[in-house]
Amino acid sequence: MHAMSYEITLPADYDMEIIRKRVATRGHLLDDFPGLGLKAYLMRERGAGSPVNSYTPFYLWATPEGMNSFLWGPGFQGIVDDFGRPRVRHWTGLSYAEGPASGAAPTSATRLRVPVPEGVEPTRFVADAVAEEAAPGVVASAVAIDPSRWELVRFTLWEQPDPPAVGDRFQVLHLSEPGRAGLRSGRQW
């Protein structure tokens, strides 16, 4: 599994209805994309619990070929054409789990990015992060790492709109999940 995300920060006075309409009309295009485990179409709004307006899709790829096909294909080119080329973050998957609310449609998501501290054994740090139990309301959760930056990311989809978790909070506008059932559960190292 590979995690991938890009964040498009928008002006403070940007009409976020444009993002909602974009997702409503285009989100379904990845509902059967080969190699995609899931894509959460995420948005946060300034003044609604966020310091910024942003459109921040988050992907869990089942195959690197699927990810590459998306990045070098018309789907990502549409983002580039409309917003410019964003910096794409990528993490190697460490674990994936369906949560207690796995049958529910997610309404929110959290993303927590934390550095692996100097002097801490990376294996122990990762094992502790992966061992955390899923809370009530969790639809699905993934942990991944960028070893070039030693940054761990925990991404969680939630059933409720105001989840009891720390991290950046997003509204889920749509969830494409063609390969979600095929994402390998549990520890992946």
C-alpha atoms as a PDB file:
ATOM      1  CA  MET A   1       0.000   0.000   0.000  1.00  0.00           C
ATOM      2  CA  HIS A   2       1.106   3.533  -0.756  1.00  0.00           C
ATOM      3  CA  ALA A   3      -0.432   6.703   0.671  1.00  0.00           C
ATOM      4  CA  MET A   4      -0.462   9.883  -1.377  1.00  0.00           C
ATOM      5  CA  SER A   5      -1.855  13.368  -0.919  1.00  0.00           C
ATOM      6  CA  TYR A   6      -1.581  16.891  -2.212  1.00  0.00           C
ATOM      7  CA  GLU A   7      -3.007  19.998  -0.648  1.00  0.00           C
ATOM      8  CA  ILE A   8      -4.328  22.891  -2.663  1.00  0.00           C
ATOM      9  CA  THR A   9      -4.582  25.894  -0.371  1.00  0.00           C
ATOM     10  CA  LEU A  10      -7.129  28.364  -1.689  1.00  0.00           C
ATOM     11  CA  PRO A  11      -7.624  32.099  -1.016  1.00  0.00           C
ATOM     12  CA  ALA A  12      -9.517  33.077   2.134  1.00  0.00           C
ATOM     13  CA  ASP A  13     -12.419  34.438   0.052  1.00  0.00           C
ATOM     14  CA  TYR A  14     -12.544  31.453  -2.343  1.00  0.00           C
ATOM     15  CA  ASP A  15     -16.058  30.147  -2.959  1.00  0.00           C
ATOM     16  CA  MET A  16     -15.742  26.583  -1.638  1.00  0.00           C
ATOM     17  CA  GLU A  17     -18.966  25.689  -3.448  1.00  0.00           C
ATOM     18  CA  ILE A  18     -16.717  25.429  -6.543  1.00  0.00           C
ATOM     19  CA  ILE A  19     -14.864  22.527  -4.883  1.00  0.00           C
ATOM     20  CA  ARG A  20     -18.131  20.871  -3.840  1.00  0.00           C
ATOM     21  CA  LYS A  21     -19.431  21.073  -7.422  1.00  0.00           C
ATOM     22  CA  ARG A  22     -16.125  19.814  -8.832  1.00  0.00           C
ATOM     23  CA  VAL A  23     -16.255  16.732  -6.613  1.00  0.00           C
ATOM     24  CA  ALA A  24     -19.981  16.197  -7.252  1.00  0.00           C
ATOM     25  CA  THR A  25     -19.427  16.185 -11.014  1.00  0.00           C
ATOM     26  CA  ARG A  26     -15.994  14.506 -11.234  1.00  0.00           C
ATOM     27  CA  GLY A  27     -15.565  12.420  -8.078  1.00  0.00           C
ATOM     28  CA  HIS A  28     -17.193   9.345  -9.559  1.00  0.00           C
ATOM     29  CA  LEU A  29     -14.520   9.180 -12.294  1.00  0.00           C
ATOM     30  CA  LEU A  30     -12.191   7.270  -9.952  1.00  0.00           C
ATOM     31  CA  ASP A  31     -14.866   4.936  -8.569  1.00  0.00           C
ATOM     32  CA  ASP A  32     -13.424   2.105 -10.668  1.00  0.00           C
ATOM     33  CA  PHE A  33      -9.808   3.256 -11.174  1.00  0.00           C
ATOM     34  CA  PRO A  34      -7.402   0.269 -11.433  1.00  0.00           C
ATOM     35  CA  GLY A  35      -4.904   0.025  -8.584  1.00  0.00           C
ATOM     36  CA  LEU A  36      -6.736   2.499  -6.334  1.00  0.00           C
ATOM     37  CA  GLY A  37      -7.659   1.252  -2.879  1.00  0.00           C
ATOM     38  CA  LEU A  38      -9.503   4.413  -1.922  1.00  0.00           C
ATOM     39  CA  LYS A  39      -9.519   8.143  -2.512  1.00  0.00           C
ATOM     40  CA  ALA A  40     -11.088  10.502  -0.010  1.00  0.00           C
ATOM     41  CA  TYR A  41     -12.046  13.837  -1.556  1.00  0.00           C
ATOM     42  CA  LEU A  42     -11.334  16.158   1.358  1.00  0.00           C
ATOM     43  CA  MET A  43     -12.046  19.805   1.964  1.00  0.00           C
ATOM     44  CA  ARG A  44     -11.673  22.193   4.869  1.00  0.00           C
ATOM     45  CA  GLU A  45     -12.983  25.706   5.160  1.00  0.00           C
ATOM     46  CA  ARG A  46     -11.507  28.746   6.815  1.00  0.00           C
ATOM     47  CA  GLY A  47     -13.652  29.848   9.704  1.00  0.00           C
ATOM     48  CA  ALA A  48     -15.279  26.417  10.047  1.00  0.00           C
ATOM     49  CA  GLY A  49     -12.608  25.014  12.330  1.00  0.00           C
ATOM     50  CA  SER A  50      -9.751  25.467   9.863  1.00  0.00           C
ATOM     51  CA  PRO A  51      -7.214  28.283   9.472  1.00  0.00           C
ATOM     52  CA  VAL A  52      -7.340  27.878   5.663  1.00  0.00           C
ATOM     53  CA  ASN A  53      -9.524  26.873   2.745  1.00  0.00           C
ATOM     54  CA  SER A  54      -8.124  23.778   1.092  1.00  0.00           C
ATOM     55  CA  TYR A  55      -8.881  20.894  -1.207  1.00  0.00           C
ATOM     56  CA  THR A  56      -6.785  17.926  -0.034  1.00  0.00           C
ATOM     57  CA  PRO A  57      -7.457  14.539  -1.624  1.00  0.00           C
ATOM     58  CA  PHE A  58      -5.933  11.559   0.190  1.00  0.00           C
ATOM     59  CA  TYR A  59      -5.265   8.262  -1.612  1.00  0.00           C
ATOM     60  CA  LEU A  60      -4.420   4.741  -0.546  1.00  0.00           C
ATOM     61  CA  TRP A  61      -3.012   2.903  -3.544  1.00  0.00           C
ATOM     62  CA  ALA A  62      -3.102  -0.875  -3.734  1.00  0.00           C
ATOM     63  CA  THR A  63      -0.471  -0.849  -6.497  1.00  0.00           C
ATOM     64  CA  PRO A  64       2.304   1.548  -7.529  1.00  0.00           C
ATOM     65  CA  GLU A  65       1.202   1.078 -11.148  1.00  0.00           C
ATOM     66  CA  GLY A  66      -2.214   2.532 -10.298  1.00  0.00           C
ATOM     67  CA  MET A  67      -0.611   5.522  -8.609  1.00  0.00           C
ATOM     68  CA  ASN A  68       1.711   6.117 -11.546  1.00  0.00           C
ATOM     69  CA  SER A  69      -1.125   5.743 -14.028  1.00  0.00           C
ATOM     70  CA  PHE A  70      -3.053   8.442 -12.172  1.00  0.00           C
ATOM     71  CA  LEU A  71      -0.134  10.858 -11.768  1.00  0.00           C
ATOM     72  CA  TRP A  72       0.903  10.622 -15.430  1.00  0.00           C
ATOM     73  CA  GLY A  73      -2.641  10.496 -16.786  1.00  0.00           C
ATOM     74  CA  PRO A  74      -5.562  12.810 -17.456  1.00  0.00           C
ATOM     75  CA  GLY A  75      -6.927  12.712 -13.885  1.00  0.00           C
ATOM     76  CA  PHE A  76      -3.995  14.503 -12.307  1.00  0.00           C
ATOM     77  CA  GLN A  77      -3.538  16.686 -15.375  1.00  0.00           C
ATOM     78  CA  GLY A  78      -7.012  18.083 -14.644  1.00  0.00           C
ATOM     79  CA  ILE A  79      -5.752  19.247 -11.233  1.00  0.00           C
ATOM     80  CA  VAL A  80      -2.659  20.787 -12.840  1.00  0.00           C
ATOM     81  CA  ASP A  81      -4.775  22.543 -15.479  1.00  0.00           C
ATOM     82  CA  ASP A  82      -7.177  24.011 -12.917  1.00  0.00           C
ATOM     83  CA  PHE A  83      -4.916  24.768  -9.931  1.00  0.00           C
ATOM     84  CA  GLY A  84      -1.288  24.458 -11.043  1.00  0.00           C
ATOM     85  CA  ARG A  85       1.012  21.570 -10.203  1.00  0.00           C
ATOM     86  CA  PRO A  86       0.802  20.826  -6.474  1.00  0.00           C
ATOM     87  CA  ARG A  87       3.530  19.169  -4.459  1.00  0.00           C
ATOM     88  CA  VAL A  88       2.526  15.515  -4.105  1.00  0.00           C
ATOM     89  CA  ARG A  89       3.396  13.865  -0.800  1.00  0.00           C
ATOM     90  CA  HIS A  90       3.926  10.107  -0.732  1.00  0.00           C
ATOM     91  CA  TRP A  91       4.306   7.678   2.155  1.00  0.00           C
ATOM     92  CA  THR A  92       5.027   3.948   2.274  1.00  0.00           C
ATOM     93  CA  GLY A  93       2.173   2.054   3.870  1.00  0.00           C
ATOM     94  CA  LEU A  94       2.752   0.508   7.282  1.00  0.00           C
ATOM     95  CA  SER A  95      -0.741  -0.614   8.278  1.00  0.00           C
ATOM     96  CA  TYR A  96      -4.367  -0.481   7.276  1.00  0.00           C
ATOM     97  CA  ALA A  97      -7.458  -1.366   9.279  1.00  0.00           C
ATOM     98  CA  GLU A  98     -11.186  -1.240   8.826  1.00  0.00           C
ATOM     99  CA  GLY A  99     -12.762   0.339  11.889  1.00  0.00           C
ATOM    100  CA  PRO A 100     -15.805  -0.428  14.012  1.00  0.00           C
ATOM    101  CA  ALA A 101     -17.930   1.753  11.681  1.00  0.00           C
ATOM    102  CA  SER A 102     -16.533   0.266   8.448  1.00  0.00           C
ATOM    103  CA  GLY A 103     -19.983  -0.106   6.911  1.00  0.00           C
ATOM    104  CA  ALA A 104     -20.811   3.601   7.308  1.00  0.00           C
ATOM    105  CA  ALA A 105     -20.184   6.374   4.815  1.00  0.00           C
ATOM    106  CA  PRO A 106     -17.458   8.643   6.209  1.00  0.00           C
ATOM    107  CA  THR A 107     -18.348  12.296   6.781  1.00  0.00           C
ATOM    108  CA  SER A 108     -14.994  13.482   8.116  1.00  0.00           C
ATOM    109  CA  ALA A 109     -11.317  12.596   8.138  1.00  0.00           C
ATOM    110  CA  THR A 110      -8.276  13.393  10.231  1.00  0.00           C
ATOM    111  CA  ARG A 111      -4.664  13.502   9.162  1.00  0.00           C
ATOM    112  CA  LEU A 112      -1.942  13.552  11.770  1.00  0.00           C
ATOM    113  CA  ARG A 113       1.635  13.996  10.604  1.00  0.00           C
ATOM    114  CA  VAL A 114       4.385  13.554  13.193  1.00  0.00           C
ATOM    115  CA  PRO A 115       8.162  13.344  12.911  1.00  0.00           C
ATOM    116  CA  VAL A 116       9.942  10.245  14.163  1.00  0.00           C
ATOM    117  CA  PRO A 117      12.049  11.818  16.944  1.00  0.00           C
ATOM    118  CA  GLU A 118      15.844  11.693  16.826  1.00  0.00           C
ATOM    119  CA  GLY A 119      17.253   9.109  19.191  1.00  0.00           C
ATOM    120  CA  VAL A 120      14.113   6.969  19.055  1.00  0.00           C
ATOM    121  CA  GLU A 121      14.313   3.548  17.472  1.00  0.00           C
ATOM    122  CA  PRO A 122      12.171   3.900  14.298  1.00  0.00           C
ATOM    123  CA  THR A 123      10.851   0.338  14.540  1.00  0.00           C
ATOM    124  CA  ARG A 124       9.572   0.904  18.075  1.00  0.00           C
ATOM    125  CA  PHE A 125       8.010   4.268  17.179  1.00  0.00           C
ATOM    126  CA  VAL A 126       6.215   2.776  14.189  1.00  0.00           C
ATOM    127  CA  ALA A 127       5.066  -0.292  16.123  1.00  0.00           C
ATOM    128  CA  ASP A 128       3.587   1.930  18.840  1.00  0.00           C
ATOM    129  CA  ALA A 129       1.760   4.055  16.259  1.00  0.00           C
ATOM    130  CA  VAL A 130       0.364   1.015  14.472  1.00  0.00           C
ATOM    131  CA  ALA A 131      -0.706  -0.648  17.722  1.00  0.00           C
ATOM    132  CA  GLU A 132      -3.227   2.073  18.610  1.00  0.00           C
ATOM    133  CA  GLU A 133      -6.763   0.722  18.704  1.00  0.00           C
ATOM    134  CA  ALA A 134      -9.499   2.035  16.442  1.00  0.00           C
ATOM    135  CA  ALA A 135     -11.961   4.262  18.283  1.00  0.00           C
ATOM    136  CA  PRO A 136     -15.744   4.112  17.953  1.00  0.00           C
ATOM    137  CA  GLY A 137     -16.814   5.870  14.769  1.00  0.00           C
ATOM    138  CA  VAL A 138     -13.697   4.917  12.765  1.00  0.00           C
ATOM    139  CA  VAL A 139     -14.569   3.783   9.254  1.00  0.00           C
ATOM    140  CA  ALA A 140     -10.981   2.992   8.237  1.00  0.00           C
ATOM    141  CA  SER A 141      -7.481   4.019   9.244  1.00  0.00           C
ATOM    142  CA  ALA A 142      -4.005   3.841   7.744  1.00  0.00           C
ATOM    143  CA  VAL A 143      -0.503   4.565   8.986  1.00  0.00           C
ATOM    144  CA  ALA A 144       2.328   5.299   6.568  1.00  0.00           C
ATOM    145  CA  ILE A 145       5.822   6.797   6.653  1.00  0.00           C
ATOM    146  CA  ASP A 146       8.035   8.986   4.504  1.00  0.00           C
ATOM    147  CA  PRO A 147      11.543   7.732   5.376  1.00  0.00           C
ATOM    148  CA  SER A 148      13.212  10.594   3.487  1.00  0.00           C
ATOM    149  CA  ARG A 149      11.728  12.992   6.077  1.00  0.00           C
ATOM    150  CA  TRP A 150      11.123  10.451   8.865  1.00  0.00           C
ATOM    151  CA  GLU A 151       7.538  11.610   8.998  1.00  0.00           C
ATOM    152  CA  LEU A 152       4.711   9.330  10.068  1.00  0.00           C
ATOM    153  CA  VAL A 153       1.164  10.004   8.874  1.00  0.00           C
ATOM    154  CA  ARG A 154      -2.023   8.566  10.371  1.00  0.00           C
ATOM    155  CA  PHE A 155      -5.072   8.983   8.153  1.00  0.00           C
ATOM    156  CA  THR A 156      -8.492   8.137   9.554  1.00  0.00           C
ATOM    157  CA  LEU A 157     -11.964   8.232   8.030  1.00  0.00           C
ATOM    158  CA  TRP A 158     -14.758   8.887  10.527  1.00  0.00           C
ATOM    159  CA  GLU A 159     -18.474   8.279  10.552  1.00  0.00           C
ATOM    160  CA  GLN A 160     -19.224  11.387  12.624  1.00  0.00           C
ATOM    161  CA  PRO A 161     -18.621  14.986  11.504  1.00  0.00           C
ATOM    162  CA  ASP A 162     -16.661  16.001  14.631  1.00  0.00           C
ATOM    163  CA  PRO A 163     -14.320  13.096  15.473  1.00  0.00           C
ATOM    164  CA  PRO A 164     -12.578  12.736  18.831  1.00  0.00           C
ATOM    165  CA  ALA A 165      -9.066  12.812  17.367  1.00  0.00           C
ATOM    166  CA  VAL A 166      -6.119  15.139  16.998  1.00  0.00           C
ATOM    167  CA  GLY A 167      -4.760  16.299  13.663  1.00  0.00           C
ATOM    168  CA  ASP A 168      -5.947  18.240  10.660  1.00  0.00           C
ATOM    169  CA  ARG A 169      -9.703  17.818  10.197  1.00  0.00           C
ATOM    170  CA  PHE A 170     -11.473  17.563   6.875  1.00  0.00           C
ATOM    171  CA  GLN A 171     -14.947  17.118   5.492  1.00  0.00           C
ATOM    172  CA  VAL A 172     -15.280  14.078   3.205  1.00  0.00           C
ATOM    173  CA  LEU A 173     -17.095  15.123   0.023  1.00  0.00           C
ATOM    174  CA  HIS A 174     -16.871  11.741  -1.727  1.00  0.00           C
ATOM    175  CA  LEU A 175     -15.115   8.412  -1.289  1.00  0.00           C
ATOM    176  CA  SER A 176     -13.959   6.421  -4.302  1.00  0.00           C
ATOM    177  CA  GLU A 177     -13.129   2.915  -3.102  1.00  0.00           C
ATOM    178  CA  PRO A 178     -12.692   0.518  -6.017  1.00  0.00           C
ATOM    179  CA  GLY A 179     -10.006  -1.552  -4.277  1.00  0.00           C
ATOM    180  CA  ARG A 180     -10.774  -0.912  -0.623  1.00  0.00           C
ATOM    181  CA  ALA A 181     -11.727  -4.538   0.006  1.00  0.00           C
ATOM    182  CA  GLY A 182      -8.347  -5.576  -1.401  1.00  0.00           C
ATOM    183  CA  LEU A 183      -6.240  -3.343   0.845  1.00  0.00           C
ATOM    184  CA  ARG A 184      -4.263  -5.663   3.061  1.00  0.00           C
ATOM    185  CA  SER A 185      -5.272  -5.334   6.697  1.00  0.00           C
ATOM    186  CA  GLY A 186      -2.817  -5.150   9.539  1.00  0.00           C
ATOM    187  CA  ARG A 187       0.881  -4.500   9.769  1.00  0.00           C
ATOM    188  CA  GLN A 188       2.748  -4.335   6.448  1.00  0.00           C
ATOM    189  CA  TRP A 189       6.385  -4.775   7.395  1.00  0.00           C
END
